[in-house]
N, C-alpha and C. Protein backbone atom coordinates (compact mmCIF):
# COMPACT_ATOMS: atom_id res chain seq x y z
N MET A 1 12.79 8.94 22.74
CA MET A 1 13.23 7.64 23.34
C MET A 1 12.75 7.71 24.94
N ALA A 2 12.32 6.58 25.27
CA ALA A 2 11.57 6.59 26.55
C ALA A 2 12.63 6.69 27.65
N SER A 3 12.34 7.52 28.80
CA SER A 3 13.28 7.44 29.73
C SER A 3 13.23 6.25 30.70
N THR A 4 14.29 5.76 31.40
CA THR A 4 14.30 4.55 32.23
C THR A 4 13.62 4.95 33.39
N THR A 5 13.67 6.25 33.62
CA THR A 5 12.99 6.54 35.05
C THR A 5 11.53 6.70 35.00
N ASP A 6 10.86 6.66 33.82
CA ASP A 6 9.43 6.73 33.50
C ASP A 6 8.88 5.41 33.13
N PRO A 7 8.26 4.75 34.25
CA PRO A 7 7.78 3.31 33.96
C PRO A 7 6.69 3.41 32.98
N VAL A 8 5.86 4.43 32.96
CA VAL A 8 4.58 4.61 32.12
C VAL A 8 5.23 4.67 30.66
N ALA A 9 6.27 5.40 30.22
CA ALA A 9 6.74 5.52 29.08
C ALA A 9 7.25 4.40 28.46
N ALA A 10 8.17 3.76 29.47
CA ALA A 10 8.77 2.36 29.00
C ALA A 10 7.74 1.33 28.82
N GLU A 11 6.72 1.46 29.44
CA GLU A 11 5.67 0.37 29.25
C GLU A 11 4.90 0.60 27.85
N THR A 12 4.55 1.71 27.61
CA THR A 12 3.95 2.04 26.41
C THR A 12 4.91 1.75 25.17
N THR A 13 6.23 2.15 25.42
CA THR A 13 7.21 1.82 24.25
C THR A 13 7.32 0.41 24.11
N TRP A 14 7.33 -0.40 25.22
CA TRP A 14 7.41 -1.83 24.92
C TRP A 14 5.92 -2.39 24.21
N GLN A 15 4.69 -1.78 24.66
CA GLN A 15 3.56 -2.23 24.00
C GLN A 15 3.52 -2.01 22.49
N VAL A 16 4.20 -0.77 22.03
CA VAL A 16 4.23 -0.31 20.63
C VAL A 16 5.19 -1.26 19.99
N GLU A 17 6.25 -1.62 20.47
CA GLU A 17 7.18 -2.44 19.97
C GLU A 17 6.76 -3.83 19.60
N LEU A 18 6.09 -4.44 20.78
CA LEU A 18 5.48 -5.72 20.51
C LEU A 18 4.21 -5.72 19.60
N LEU A 19 3.50 -4.78 19.44
CA LEU A 19 2.47 -4.71 18.42
C LEU A 19 3.30 -4.53 17.08
N ARG A 20 4.28 -3.74 17.06
CA ARG A 20 4.89 -3.41 15.54
C ARG A 20 5.58 -4.97 15.16
N ARG A 21 6.17 -5.47 16.07
CA ARG A 21 6.80 -7.00 15.59
C ARG A 21 5.86 -7.85 15.18
N GLN A 22 4.72 -7.90 15.94
CA GLN A 22 3.59 -8.84 15.50
C GLN A 22 3.05 -8.58 14.22
N TYR A 23 2.76 -7.15 13.98
CA TYR A 23 2.36 -6.67 12.64
C TYR A 23 3.22 -6.95 11.63
N LEU A 24 4.44 -6.81 11.90
CA LEU A 24 5.56 -7.02 10.76
C LEU A 24 5.77 -8.60 10.46
N GLN A 25 5.35 -9.49 11.39
CA GLN A 25 5.35 -10.98 11.20
C GLN A 25 4.10 -11.27 10.70
N LEU A 26 2.97 -10.44 10.30
CA LEU A 26 2.01 -10.80 9.72
C LEU A 26 1.02 -11.84 10.71
N ILE A 27 1.20 -11.52 11.84
CA ILE A 27 0.23 -12.27 12.90
C ILE A 27 -1.24 -11.73 12.78
N ASP A 28 -2.15 -12.64 12.82
CA ASP A 28 -3.53 -12.57 12.53
C ASP A 28 -4.04 -11.32 13.43
N PRO A 29 -4.56 -10.15 12.85
CA PRO A 29 -5.26 -9.06 13.56
C PRO A 29 -5.70 -9.52 14.87
N ASN A 30 -6.46 -10.54 15.08
CA ASN A 30 -7.31 -11.04 16.05
C ASN A 30 -6.53 -11.67 17.19
N GLU A 31 -5.17 -11.68 16.86
CA GLU A 31 -4.39 -12.38 17.94
C GLU A 31 -3.37 -11.25 18.18
N LEU A 32 -3.44 -10.13 17.81
CA LEU A 32 -2.37 -8.87 18.19
C LEU A 32 -2.54 -8.57 19.65
N ALA A 33 -1.31 -8.14 20.01
CA ALA A 33 -1.39 -7.57 21.37
C ALA A 33 -1.65 -5.91 21.54
N ILE A 34 -2.83 -5.79 21.23
CA ILE A 34 -3.29 -4.28 21.09
C ILE A 34 -2.97 -3.65 22.62
N PRO A 35 -2.38 -2.33 22.52
CA PRO A 35 -2.18 -1.83 23.82
C PRO A 35 -3.31 -1.58 24.69
N SER A 36 -3.28 -1.49 25.87
CA SER A 36 -4.33 -1.22 26.91
C SER A 36 -5.25 0.07 26.41
N ILE A 37 -6.52 0.02 26.81
CA ILE A 37 -7.43 1.00 26.37
C ILE A 37 -6.86 2.50 27.02
N GLU A 38 -6.21 2.58 28.33
CA GLU A 38 -5.81 3.54 28.91
C GLU A 38 -4.49 4.06 28.13
N SER A 39 -3.68 3.19 27.60
CA SER A 39 -2.64 3.50 26.68
C SER A 39 -2.99 4.25 25.44
N LEU A 40 -3.96 3.73 24.77
CA LEU A 40 -4.36 3.98 23.52
C LEU A 40 -4.98 5.44 23.66
N ARG A 41 -5.37 5.85 24.72
CA ARG A 41 -5.88 7.24 25.03
C ARG A 41 -4.75 8.45 24.83
N LEU A 42 -3.67 7.85 24.96
CA LEU A 42 -2.37 8.84 24.98
C LEU A 42 -2.11 9.30 23.44
N PRO A 43 -2.02 10.54 23.18
CA PRO A 43 -1.72 11.11 21.83
C PRO A 43 -0.25 10.46 21.37
N GLY A 44 0.56 10.41 22.31
CA GLY A 44 1.83 10.20 22.04
C GLY A 44 2.11 8.65 21.58
N LEU A 45 1.30 7.83 22.34
CA LEU A 45 1.29 6.40 21.92
C LEU A 45 0.61 6.40 20.42
N GLN A 46 -0.33 6.96 20.17
CA GLN A 46 -0.91 6.91 18.85
C GLN A 46 -0.08 7.34 17.68
N ALA A 47 0.78 8.23 18.12
CA ALA A 47 1.66 9.07 17.15
C ALA A 47 2.86 7.91 16.97
N ARG A 48 3.28 7.11 18.05
CA ARG A 48 4.27 6.09 17.95
C ARG A 48 3.87 4.91 17.22
N ILE A 49 2.56 4.62 17.16
CA ILE A 49 1.95 3.51 16.42
C ILE A 49 2.08 3.81 14.94
N TYR A 50 1.65 5.00 14.86
CA TYR A 50 1.61 5.50 13.33
C TYR A 50 3.02 5.51 12.67
N ASP A 51 3.90 6.02 13.21
CA ASP A 51 5.38 6.20 12.97
C ASP A 51 5.99 5.02 12.89
N SER A 52 5.80 4.03 13.88
CA SER A 52 6.53 2.83 13.63
C SER A 52 5.97 1.68 12.81
N MET A 53 4.66 1.85 12.59
CA MET A 53 3.86 0.83 11.78
C MET A 53 3.34 1.25 10.43
N PHE A 54 2.95 2.44 10.26
CA PHE A 54 2.12 2.88 9.10
C PHE A 54 2.81 4.02 8.27
N ASN A 55 3.83 4.69 8.90
CA ASN A 55 4.63 5.63 8.07
C ASN A 55 5.59 4.89 7.11
N GLU A 56 5.24 4.93 6.04
CA GLU A 56 6.00 3.90 5.07
C GLU A 56 7.41 4.43 4.76
N ALA A 57 7.70 5.67 5.05
CA ALA A 57 9.24 6.21 5.39
C ALA A 57 9.99 5.36 6.12
N ASN A 58 9.40 4.95 7.36
CA ASN A 58 10.12 4.12 8.26
C ASN A 58 10.09 2.66 8.06
N LEU A 59 9.49 2.30 6.98
CA LEU A 59 9.48 0.76 6.70
C LEU A 59 9.83 0.48 5.51
N PRO A 60 11.12 -0.06 5.48
CA PRO A 60 11.68 -0.41 4.04
C PRO A 60 10.97 -1.56 3.52
N PHE A 61 10.20 -2.51 4.29
CA PHE A 61 9.48 -3.55 3.50
C PHE A 61 8.14 -3.65 4.20
N PRO A 62 7.21 -2.80 3.96
CA PRO A 62 5.85 -2.91 4.57
C PRO A 62 5.20 -4.14 4.29
N PRO A 63 4.15 -4.50 5.14
CA PRO A 63 3.37 -5.66 4.83
C PRO A 63 2.44 -5.37 3.84
N PRO A 64 1.83 -6.65 3.23
CA PRO A 64 0.85 -6.43 2.17
C PRO A 64 -0.29 -5.46 2.62
N ASP A 65 -0.92 -4.70 1.44
CA ASP A 65 -2.14 -3.92 1.94
C ASP A 65 -3.10 -4.66 2.67
N ARG A 66 -3.37 -5.84 2.32
CA ARG A 66 -4.50 -6.60 2.72
C ARG A 66 -4.40 -6.71 4.42
N HIS A 67 -3.05 -7.00 4.66
CA HIS A 67 -2.90 -7.19 6.12
C HIS A 67 -2.97 -5.91 6.82
N LYS A 68 -2.27 -4.75 6.31
CA LYS A 68 -2.31 -3.52 6.73
C LYS A 68 -3.74 -3.02 7.01
N TYR A 69 -4.55 -3.25 6.05
CA TYR A 69 -6.00 -2.90 6.22
C TYR A 69 -6.86 -3.57 7.48
N ARG A 70 -6.59 -4.80 7.45
CA ARG A 70 -7.13 -5.67 8.57
C ARG A 70 -6.67 -5.18 10.01
N VAL A 71 -5.33 -4.90 10.03
CA VAL A 71 -4.71 -4.28 11.34
C VAL A 71 -5.32 -2.84 11.57
N LEU A 72 -5.20 -2.00 10.73
CA LEU A 72 -5.81 -0.75 10.86
C LEU A 72 -7.35 -0.68 11.29
N LYS A 73 -8.14 -1.66 10.69
CA LYS A 73 -9.48 -1.59 11.15
C LYS A 73 -9.31 -2.03 12.66
N LYS A 74 -8.67 -2.99 12.98
CA LYS A 74 -8.67 -3.29 14.44
C LYS A 74 -8.09 -2.19 15.22
N LEU A 75 -7.07 -1.46 14.79
CA LEU A 75 -6.46 -0.54 15.80
C LEU A 75 -7.53 0.68 15.77
N VAL A 76 -8.05 1.11 14.58
CA VAL A 76 -9.07 2.30 14.71
C VAL A 76 -10.39 1.77 15.68
N ALA A 77 -10.71 0.84 15.48
CA ALA A 77 -11.87 0.27 16.52
C ALA A 77 -11.32 0.39 17.74
N ALA A 78 -10.23 0.02 18.36
CA ALA A 78 -9.56 -0.05 19.62
C ALA A 78 -9.65 1.39 20.15
N ILE A 79 -9.03 2.25 19.08
CA ILE A 79 -8.87 3.61 19.50
C ILE A 79 -10.26 4.23 19.68
N GLU A 80 -11.11 3.92 19.02
CA GLU A 80 -12.46 4.75 19.06
C GLU A 80 -13.05 4.10 20.45
N GLN A 81 -12.78 2.84 20.83
CA GLN A 81 -13.40 2.57 22.21
C GLN A 81 -12.89 3.01 23.33
N ALA A 82 -11.51 3.68 22.97
CA ALA A 82 -10.73 3.96 24.31
C ALA A 82 -11.02 5.55 24.36
N ILE A 83 -11.60 6.25 23.29
CA ILE A 83 -11.93 7.62 23.44
C ILE A 83 -12.82 8.09 24.41
N VAL A 84 -12.62 8.84 25.56
CA VAL A 84 -13.65 9.18 26.38
C VAL A 84 -14.00 10.78 26.10
N ASP A 85 -13.04 11.44 25.81
CA ASP A 85 -13.16 13.04 25.46
C ASP A 85 -12.52 12.99 24.22
N PRO A 86 -13.20 13.19 23.15
CA PRO A 86 -12.58 13.45 21.68
C PRO A 86 -11.57 14.61 21.71
N GLU A 87 -11.88 15.71 22.40
CA GLU A 87 -11.13 17.07 22.29
C GLU A 87 -9.87 16.48 22.94
N GLU A 88 -9.56 15.65 23.90
CA GLU A 88 -8.43 15.40 24.60
C GLU A 88 -7.74 14.08 24.21
N ASP A 89 -8.43 13.13 24.03
CA ASP A 89 -8.18 11.77 23.82
C ASP A 89 -7.59 11.65 22.23
N VAL A 90 -8.07 12.22 21.36
CA VAL A 90 -7.67 12.23 19.97
C VAL A 90 -6.44 13.20 19.67
N GLY A 91 -5.38 12.64 19.52
CA GLY A 91 -4.14 13.48 19.30
C GLY A 91 -3.72 13.18 17.99
N PHE A 92 -3.51 12.19 17.35
CA PHE A 92 -2.76 11.79 16.15
C PHE A 92 -3.42 10.69 15.43
N PRO A 93 -4.52 10.06 15.79
CA PRO A 93 -5.01 9.06 15.01
C PRO A 93 -5.57 9.40 13.50
N TYR A 94 -5.53 10.67 13.25
CA TYR A 94 -6.09 11.27 11.87
C TYR A 94 -5.20 10.56 10.94
N SER A 95 -3.76 10.46 11.07
CA SER A 95 -2.76 9.79 10.27
C SER A 95 -3.16 8.39 10.07
N ILE A 96 -3.55 7.70 11.10
CA ILE A 96 -3.96 6.36 11.19
C ILE A 96 -5.14 6.22 10.25
N SER A 97 -6.07 7.18 10.55
CA SER A 97 -7.35 7.04 9.60
C SER A 97 -7.04 7.44 8.28
N LEU A 98 -6.12 8.20 8.14
CA LEU A 98 -5.86 8.77 6.61
C LEU A 98 -5.39 7.40 5.76
N VAL A 99 -4.41 6.73 6.52
CA VAL A 99 -3.92 5.34 5.75
C VAL A 99 -5.08 4.40 5.71
N LEU A 100 -5.98 4.36 6.45
CA LEU A 100 -7.09 3.42 6.50
C LEU A 100 -7.81 4.02 5.28
N GLY A 101 -8.21 5.14 5.15
CA GLY A 101 -8.93 5.84 4.03
C GLY A 101 -8.26 5.55 2.81
N ASP A 102 -6.91 5.52 2.64
CA ASP A 102 -6.22 5.32 1.33
C ASP A 102 -6.31 4.07 1.01
N LEU A 103 -6.60 3.09 2.05
CA LEU A 103 -6.69 1.57 1.60
C LEU A 103 -8.14 1.20 1.30
N LEU A 104 -9.08 1.90 1.52
CA LEU A 104 -10.53 1.66 1.34
C LEU A 104 -10.98 1.47 -0.16
N PRO A 105 -10.29 2.31 -1.06
CA PRO A 105 -10.64 2.27 -2.37
C PRO A 105 -10.19 0.83 -2.83
N ARG A 106 -9.16 0.25 -2.34
CA ARG A 106 -8.49 -1.02 -2.78
C ARG A 106 -9.24 -2.16 -2.18
N THR A 107 -10.19 -2.07 -1.32
CA THR A 107 -10.73 -3.11 -0.70
C THR A 107 -11.67 -3.99 -1.64
N ASN A 108 -12.13 -3.57 -2.60
CA ASN A 108 -12.77 -4.47 -3.58
C ASN A 108 -11.90 -5.61 -4.11
N SER A 109 -10.58 -5.26 -4.05
CA SER A 109 -9.59 -6.37 -4.72
C SER A 109 -9.27 -7.27 -3.43
N PHE A 110 -9.66 -6.89 -2.23
CA PHE A 110 -9.48 -7.75 -1.04
C PHE A 110 -10.65 -8.81 -0.99
N SER A 111 -11.82 -8.46 -1.45
CA SER A 111 -12.85 -9.57 -1.43
C SER A 111 -13.19 -10.29 -2.61
N PHE A 112 -13.60 -11.23 -2.54
CA PHE A 112 -14.02 -12.09 -3.74
C PHE A 112 -15.41 -12.80 -3.40
N THR A 113 -15.79 -13.41 -4.41
CA THR A 113 -17.00 -14.22 -4.34
C THR A 113 -16.93 -15.30 -5.02
N LEU A 114 -17.41 -16.45 -4.61
CA LEU A 114 -17.33 -17.70 -5.01
C LEU A 114 -18.53 -17.84 -6.13
N PRO A 115 -18.42 -18.60 -7.16
CA PRO A 115 -19.54 -18.68 -7.99
C PRO A 115 -20.51 -19.73 -7.32
N GLN A 116 -21.84 -19.14 -7.68
CA GLN A 116 -22.98 -19.83 -6.77
C GLN A 116 -22.94 -21.40 -6.95
N ASN A 117 -22.73 -21.89 -8.04
CA ASN A 117 -22.81 -23.33 -8.15
C ASN A 117 -21.38 -24.10 -7.95
N MET A 118 -20.40 -23.45 -7.52
CA MET A 118 -19.12 -24.15 -7.21
C MET A 118 -19.09 -25.34 -6.24
N TYR A 119 -20.09 -25.27 -5.41
CA TYR A 119 -20.00 -26.41 -4.44
C TYR A 119 -21.22 -27.35 -4.44
N LYS A 120 -22.13 -27.19 -5.49
CA LYS A 120 -23.27 -28.01 -5.50
C LYS A 120 -22.97 -29.54 -5.86
N ASP A 121 -23.73 -30.33 -5.18
CA ASP A 121 -23.52 -31.84 -5.32
C ASP A 121 -24.14 -32.37 -6.52
């Protein structure tokens, strides 16, 4: 739990909670309040994101796989952009990446193609 005397911990806790609430409300990934780049570098924040959003033991009713996949792609891209020194900045996203990796084989069911002649005049 974040200490009330540590404003950085309180701010990052609020950022994760806001992101979690938006995620569970199925807000479009492009409209999510992704934590700041400086915050995403913190391994503790990465761990909180995983635990609160993607650890299914903590989610009695997880969002649909398609939404989870889209949000994970957005988060992984944001974490990759935030990384300056991989030795220090990457603390826990392997779990986030593993969840994304588990969803990748199912991505074929997420995409579809329309028949070529469907909209011909």
